[in-house]
Amino acid sequence: MTFGNLRLVFAPVAVLAGGLLMVSNASASIMGNLNTGSGGTVTVTISSVTFNLDPSSTPPGPPWNAEVGNGTSLSFVGCSSGVLNSPGCLSATEAIDVNSPVTAASIGENNFLTFAAHPNLTFSLLAIGPGSTNTDCASITGPSHIGLSCSVFAGSPILLTDTAGGTQVSLAVSGKASDTGVGGLAGGGGSNYLGSFNDPLNGTVTTSLGTTIAATPVGIQQFFCPGGVCATDGRSIDGRSQSGNFFATTVPEPSSLFLGSLGIVMLLVGTRFRKSHGNRA
């Protein structure tokens, strides 16, 4: 087989491969970093996190309870550069609706995060947590334990991390992101994302019972589970602010359609080459 013949044989392979790879990648185009913040507060119970209305978002709530923050570099359809405040891209303070309260029942939501100026951009929620396996919050409180974490009870998705000023309350989340609306999430479509919400508590915090507690991991644990028995009266504490960070990525994998089709074409190429090589012999 001459070089010219090989070129004619492999040309369809290149076209097929390129076309199928583009199909494989088209369903997951969101990449980069999304930072969020809020001028509002959050309310934390033993089993939920509620994001209260954000008065500083554009537009302000309701229903918006968060906003796009500086440092965001999220690219998607209509925003290939990912540069904040560029045409077609996210804008600083653009309003976000976090579908809350966030509880275990929230897993599976397709509209977990939605955006005021980008209605086709949506983040689903497929998992929350995990929290810490350490439930002895007294063991990590104090200057020598800064950076260590605990959870109020075993299985809680909320992480309490000791800080110099008090406690960082964190909730990890993950799921899928689509830039073609909820329909882009069908069949596992969309990009993958990982992220967390964070609420720094310093000094003291006021509780729903009208009391004031130390904003330490052990202080928070003792409020929700006095004497080691977790209360069921719906008690809560209010965080002063919250921020979030989410990283979306797409790692293309060859689809089964591509592999199967390429295999058939290569089989035909190999058969033709063997016949040609045999004739020359």
Protein backbone atom coordinates (compact mmCIF):
# COMPACT_ATOMS: atom_id res chain seq x y z
CA MET A 1 0.00 0.00 0.00
CA THR A 2 1.44 3.37 -0.98
CA PHE A 3 1.58 6.45 1.24
CA GLY A 4 -1.15 8.02 -0.86
CA ASN A 5 -3.43 5.06 -0.30
CA LEU A 6 -2.74 5.11 3.43
CA ARG A 7 -3.66 8.79 3.52
CA LEU A 8 -6.97 8.04 1.81
CA VAL A 9 -7.69 5.20 4.23
CA PHE A 10 -6.83 7.11 7.41
CA ALA A 11 -8.57 10.35 6.43
CA PRO A 12 -12.03 9.03 7.47
CA VAL A 13 -10.51 7.85 10.75
CA ALA A 14 -9.27 11.36 11.55
CA VAL A 15 -12.63 12.91 10.65
CA LEU A 16 -14.55 10.35 12.72
CA ALA A 17 -12.22 10.67 15.70
CA GLY A 18 -12.33 14.47 15.69
CA GLY A 19 -16.09 14.60 15.29
CA LEU A 20 -16.81 12.09 18.05
CA LEU A 21 -14.38 13.71 20.45
CA MET A 22 -16.11 17.03 19.93
CA VAL A 23 -19.44 15.37 20.72
CA SER A 24 -17.93 13.86 23.86
CA ASN A 25 -16.68 17.25 25.10
CA ALA A 26 -19.69 19.37 24.18
CA SER A 27 -21.80 18.28 27.13
CA ALA A 28 -19.30 19.42 29.78
CA SER A 29 -17.80 22.84 29.10
CA ILE A 30 -17.83 24.58 32.49
CA MET A 31 -14.37 25.00 33.95
CA GLY A 32 -12.70 27.15 36.56
CA ASN A 33 -13.31 28.73 39.91
CA LEU A 34 -16.47 30.24 41.38
CA ASN A 35 -16.15 32.34 44.52
CA THR A 36 -19.26 33.45 46.39
CA GLY A 37 -20.05 35.73 49.28
CA SER A 38 -23.01 37.44 50.91
CA GLY A 39 -24.00 40.53 52.80
CA GLY A 40 -26.57 38.38 54.58
CA THR A 41 -26.32 35.77 57.29
CA VAL A 42 -26.76 32.02 57.65
CA THR A 43 -28.72 30.08 60.24
CA VAL A 44 -27.25 26.76 61.38
CA THR A 45 -29.15 24.02 63.16
CA ILE A 46 -27.98 20.55 64.08
CA SER A 47 -29.19 19.23 60.71
CA SER A 48 -29.47 22.17 58.33
CA VAL A 49 -27.93 25.35 56.98
CA THR A 50 -30.22 28.15 55.82
CA PHE A 51 -28.88 30.98 53.66
CA ASN A 52 -30.72 34.18 54.50
CA LEU A 53 -31.43 36.98 52.01
CA ASP A 54 -28.50 38.96 50.63
CA PRO A 55 -29.16 42.72 50.66
CA SER A 56 -25.97 43.54 48.71
CA SER A 57 -26.35 41.25 45.67
CA THR A 58 -27.29 42.48 42.19
CA PRO A 59 -30.27 42.40 42.31
CA PRO A 60 -30.76 42.13 46.08
CA GLY A 61 -32.89 39.35 47.55
CA PRO A 62 -35.46 37.93 47.60
CA PRO A 63 -34.95 35.30 46.36
CA TRP A 64 -31.21 35.89 46.14
CA ASN A 65 -29.14 34.88 49.18
CA ALA A 66 -25.56 34.96 47.84
CA GLU A 67 -23.48 36.71 45.19
CA VAL A 68 -20.54 36.16 42.85
CA GLY A 69 -17.27 37.11 44.55
CA ASN A 70 -13.95 38.48 43.39
CA GLY A 71 -11.45 35.89 42.18
CA THR A 72 -14.08 34.06 40.14
CA SER A 73 -12.73 32.65 36.87
CA LEU A 74 -15.51 30.42 35.55
CA SER A 75 -15.70 29.73 31.82
CA PHE A 76 -18.83 28.39 30.13
CA VAL A 77 -20.87 28.81 26.95
CA GLY A 78 -20.87 32.53 26.14
CA CYS A 79 -17.88 33.17 28.42
CA SER A 80 -14.86 31.38 27.00
CA SER A 81 -12.34 33.62 28.80
CA GLY A 82 -13.77 33.12 32.28
CA VAL A 83 -12.74 36.68 33.14
CA LEU A 84 -15.01 38.26 35.73
CA ASN A 85 -17.06 41.23 34.45
CA SER A 86 -16.24 40.45 30.79
CA PRO A 87 -19.10 40.39 28.23
CA GLY A 88 -21.14 37.22 28.65
CA CYS A 89 -19.32 36.24 31.84
CA LEU A 90 -20.30 36.41 35.50
CA SER A 91 -20.18 39.81 37.16
CA ALA A 92 -19.03 40.71 40.65
CA THR A 93 -22.03 40.77 43.05
CA GLU A 94 -24.28 38.99 40.50
CA ALA A 95 -27.03 37.46 42.60
CA ILE A 96 -27.06 33.72 43.33
CA ASP A 97 -29.88 31.64 44.77
CA VAL A 98 -28.64 28.87 47.04
CA ASN A 99 -31.58 26.49 47.32
CA SER A 100 -31.91 26.29 51.10
CA PRO A 101 -32.24 25.12 53.76
CA VAL A 102 -29.54 22.63 52.89
CA THR A 103 -30.27 19.28 54.52
CA ALA A 104 -29.69 15.63 53.72
CA ALA A 105 -32.92 15.79 51.69
CA SER A 106 -31.33 18.41 49.41
CA ILE A 107 -29.12 15.78 47.75
CA GLY A 108 -30.31 15.28 44.19
CA GLU A 109 -31.44 18.87 43.57
CA ASN A 110 -30.73 20.11 40.05
CA ASN A 111 -31.16 23.79 40.93
CA PHE A 112 -28.88 23.99 43.95
CA LEU A 113 -27.14 27.13 42.64
CA THR A 114 -28.78 29.41 40.07
CA PHE A 115 -27.71 32.83 38.80
CA ALA A 116 -29.71 36.02 38.24
CA ALA A 117 -28.15 37.07 34.92
CA HIS A 118 -27.32 33.58 33.61
CA PRO A 119 -30.48 31.45 33.77
CA ASN A 120 -28.88 28.56 31.84
CA LEU A 121 -26.08 28.21 34.38
CA THR A 122 -27.00 25.77 37.15
CA PHE A 123 -25.21 23.64 39.74
CA SER A 124 -26.74 20.44 41.08
CA LEU A 125 -26.13 18.93 44.52
CA LEU A 126 -25.09 15.28 44.58
CA ALA A 127 -23.28 15.07 47.94
CA ILE A 128 -22.69 17.04 51.13
CA GLY A 129 -19.91 16.59 53.66
CA PRO A 130 -18.29 14.58 55.00
CA GLY A 131 -17.73 16.08 58.39
CA SER A 132 -15.09 14.92 60.85
CA THR A 133 -14.82 11.52 62.45
CA ASN A 134 -13.72 13.32 65.62
CA THR A 135 -16.70 14.18 67.83
CA ASP A 136 -14.63 15.22 70.87
CA CYS A 137 -14.67 18.95 70.18
CA ALA A 138 -13.22 19.72 73.62
CA SER A 139 -10.01 18.01 72.54
CA ILE A 140 -9.33 20.54 69.76
CA THR A 141 -10.22 23.81 71.44
CA GLY A 142 -7.39 26.18 72.34
CA PRO A 143 -4.36 27.95 70.81
CA SER A 144 -2.38 24.73 70.39
CA HIS A 145 -5.17 23.14 68.33
CA ILE A 146 -5.71 25.78 65.66
CA GLY A 147 -6.56 24.12 62.35
CA LEU A 148 -7.92 20.91 63.90
CA SER A 149 -11.54 19.92 63.26
CA CYS A 150 -14.47 18.07 64.78
CA SER A 151 -18.19 17.53 64.18
CA VAL A 152 -21.02 17.92 66.68
CA PHE A 153 -22.12 14.31 66.27
CA ALA A 154 -21.07 11.25 64.29
CA GLY A 155 -22.23 11.51 60.70
CA SER A 156 -22.77 15.28 60.74
CA PRO A 157 -21.69 16.85 57.43
CA ILE A 158 -20.83 20.14 59.14
CA LEU A 159 -17.15 20.64 59.98
CA LEU A 160 -16.04 22.80 62.93
CA THR A 161 -12.43 23.97 62.65
CA ASP A 162 -10.66 25.70 65.52
CA THR A 163 -9.32 29.18 64.59
CA ALA A 164 -7.46 31.91 66.44
CA GLY A 165 -10.71 33.85 66.86
CA GLY A 166 -13.21 31.05 67.28
CA THR A 167 -14.54 28.51 64.78
CA GLN A 168 -14.77 28.12 61.04
CA VAL A 169 -18.04 26.34 60.20
CA SER A 170 -17.78 24.56 56.84
CA LEU A 171 -20.09 22.53 54.65
CA ALA A 172 -18.53 20.65 51.74
CA VAL A 173 -20.67 20.09 48.64
CA SER A 174 -20.21 18.48 45.22
CA GLY A 175 -22.23 17.80 42.10
CA LYS A 176 -22.56 18.72 38.46
CA ALA A 177 -22.61 22.07 36.65
CA SER A 178 -24.45 22.81 33.40
CA ASP A 179 -24.47 25.85 31.11
CA THR A 180 -27.48 24.63 29.13
CA GLY A 181 -29.98 24.58 31.98
CA VAL A 182 -31.23 21.63 33.99
CA GLY A 183 -31.53 19.61 30.77
CA GLY A 184 -27.74 19.62 30.48
CA LEU A 185 -27.52 17.53 33.66
CA ALA A 186 -29.59 14.65 32.27
CA GLY A 187 -27.80 11.31 32.12
CA GLY A 188 -24.89 12.54 34.22
CA GLY A 189 -24.08 15.37 31.82
CA GLY A 190 -22.24 18.53 32.78
CA SER A 191 -18.93 19.27 34.48
CA ASN A 192 -17.96 18.02 37.93
CA TYR A 193 -17.49 20.48 40.76
CA LEU A 194 -16.24 20.38 44.33
CA GLY A 195 -16.65 23.16 46.84
CA SER A 196 -17.60 24.34 50.30
CA PHE A 197 -19.40 27.09 52.16
CA ASN A 198 -17.59 28.68 55.08
CA ASP A 199 -18.87 30.77 57.97
CA PRO A 200 -16.29 32.28 60.36
CA LEU A 201 -17.56 32.65 63.92
CA ASN A 202 -15.48 34.77 66.28
CA GLY A 203 -15.87 35.77 69.91
CA THR A 204 -19.41 34.92 70.94
CA VAL A 205 -22.64 34.17 69.08
CA THR A 206 -26.28 34.62 70.04
CA THR A 207 -28.48 31.55 69.94
CA SER A 208 -32.15 31.04 69.13
CA LEU A 209 -32.70 30.51 72.88
CA GLY A 210 -31.61 34.07 73.56
CA THR A 211 -28.35 32.98 75.16
CA THR A 212 -24.79 33.84 74.21
CA ILE A 213 -22.17 31.12 73.76
CA ALA A 214 -18.46 31.07 73.07
CA ALA A 215 -17.80 30.64 69.34
CA THR A 216 -15.50 27.68 69.93
CA PRO A 217 -15.98 24.13 68.61
CA VAL A 218 -16.76 22.84 72.09
CA GLY A 219 -19.07 25.78 72.84
CA ILE A 220 -21.06 25.04 69.69
CA GLN A 221 -21.16 21.32 70.42
CA GLN A 222 -22.34 21.81 73.99
CA PHE A 223 -25.11 24.14 72.81
CA PHE A 224 -26.50 21.63 70.31
CA CYS A 225 -25.82 18.53 72.41
CA PRO A 226 -25.83 19.52 76.10
CA GLY A 227 -24.49 16.75 78.30
CA GLY A 228 -23.76 14.67 75.21
CA VAL A 229 -27.44 14.35 74.23
CA CYS A 230 -28.38 16.25 71.09
CA ALA A 231 -31.42 18.49 71.45
CA THR A 232 -34.45 18.09 69.17
CA ASP A 233 -36.07 21.48 69.81
CA GLY A 234 -34.82 23.09 66.58
CA ARG A 235 -32.32 25.36 68.30
CA SER A 236 -30.00 27.33 66.05
CA ILE A 237 -27.20 29.88 65.85
CA ASP A 238 -26.81 32.69 63.33
CA GLY A 239 -23.57 33.12 61.43
CA ARG A 240 -22.54 36.67 60.62
CA SER A 241 -21.44 36.06 57.03
CA GLN A 242 -20.64 33.28 54.60
CA SER A 243 -18.44 32.66 51.60
CA GLY A 244 -18.01 29.79 49.19
CA ASN A 245 -15.49 28.40 46.78
CA PHE A 246 -16.30 25.92 44.02
CA PHE A 247 -14.02 24.44 41.37
CA ALA A 248 -15.53 22.98 38.22
CA THR A 249 -13.61 20.74 35.86
CA THR A 250 -14.22 18.47 32.90
CA VAL A 251 -11.95 15.49 32.33
CA PRO A 252 -12.95 14.17 28.91
CA GLU A 253 -13.04 10.43 28.57
CA PRO A 254 -13.34 8.66 25.22
CA SER A 255 -16.96 7.66 24.84
CA SER A 256 -17.93 4.07 24.16
CA LEU A 257 -19.32 5.27 20.82
CA PHE A 258 -15.94 6.68 19.84
CA LEU A 259 -14.01 3.60 20.91
CA GLY A 260 -16.40 1.22 19.20
CA SER A 261 -16.51 3.18 15.95
CA LEU A 262 -12.77 3.69 15.88
CA GLY A 263 -12.24 -0.02 16.49
CA ILE A 264 -14.41 -0.94 13.51
CA VAL A 265 -12.64 1.52 11.22
CA MET A 266 -9.20 0.35 12.34
CA LEU A 267 -10.26 -3.26 11.75
CA LEU A 268 -11.19 -2.37 8.18
CA VAL A 269 -7.91 -0.51 7.72
CA GLY A 270 -5.94 -3.45 9.05
CA THR A 271 -7.74 -5.89 6.75
CA ARG A 272 -7.11 -3.70 3.71
CA PHE A 273 -3.47 -3.23 4.63
CA ARG A 274 -2.91 -6.95 5.08
CA LYS A 275 -4.45 -7.70 1.71
CA SER A 276 -2.35 -5.03 0.02
CA HIS A 277 0.79 -6.21 1.77
CA GLY A 278 0.05 -9.80 0.72
CA ASN A 279 -0.38 -8.81 -2.93
CA ARG A 280 2.99 -7.03 -2.89
CA ALA A 281 4.67 -10.12 -1.42
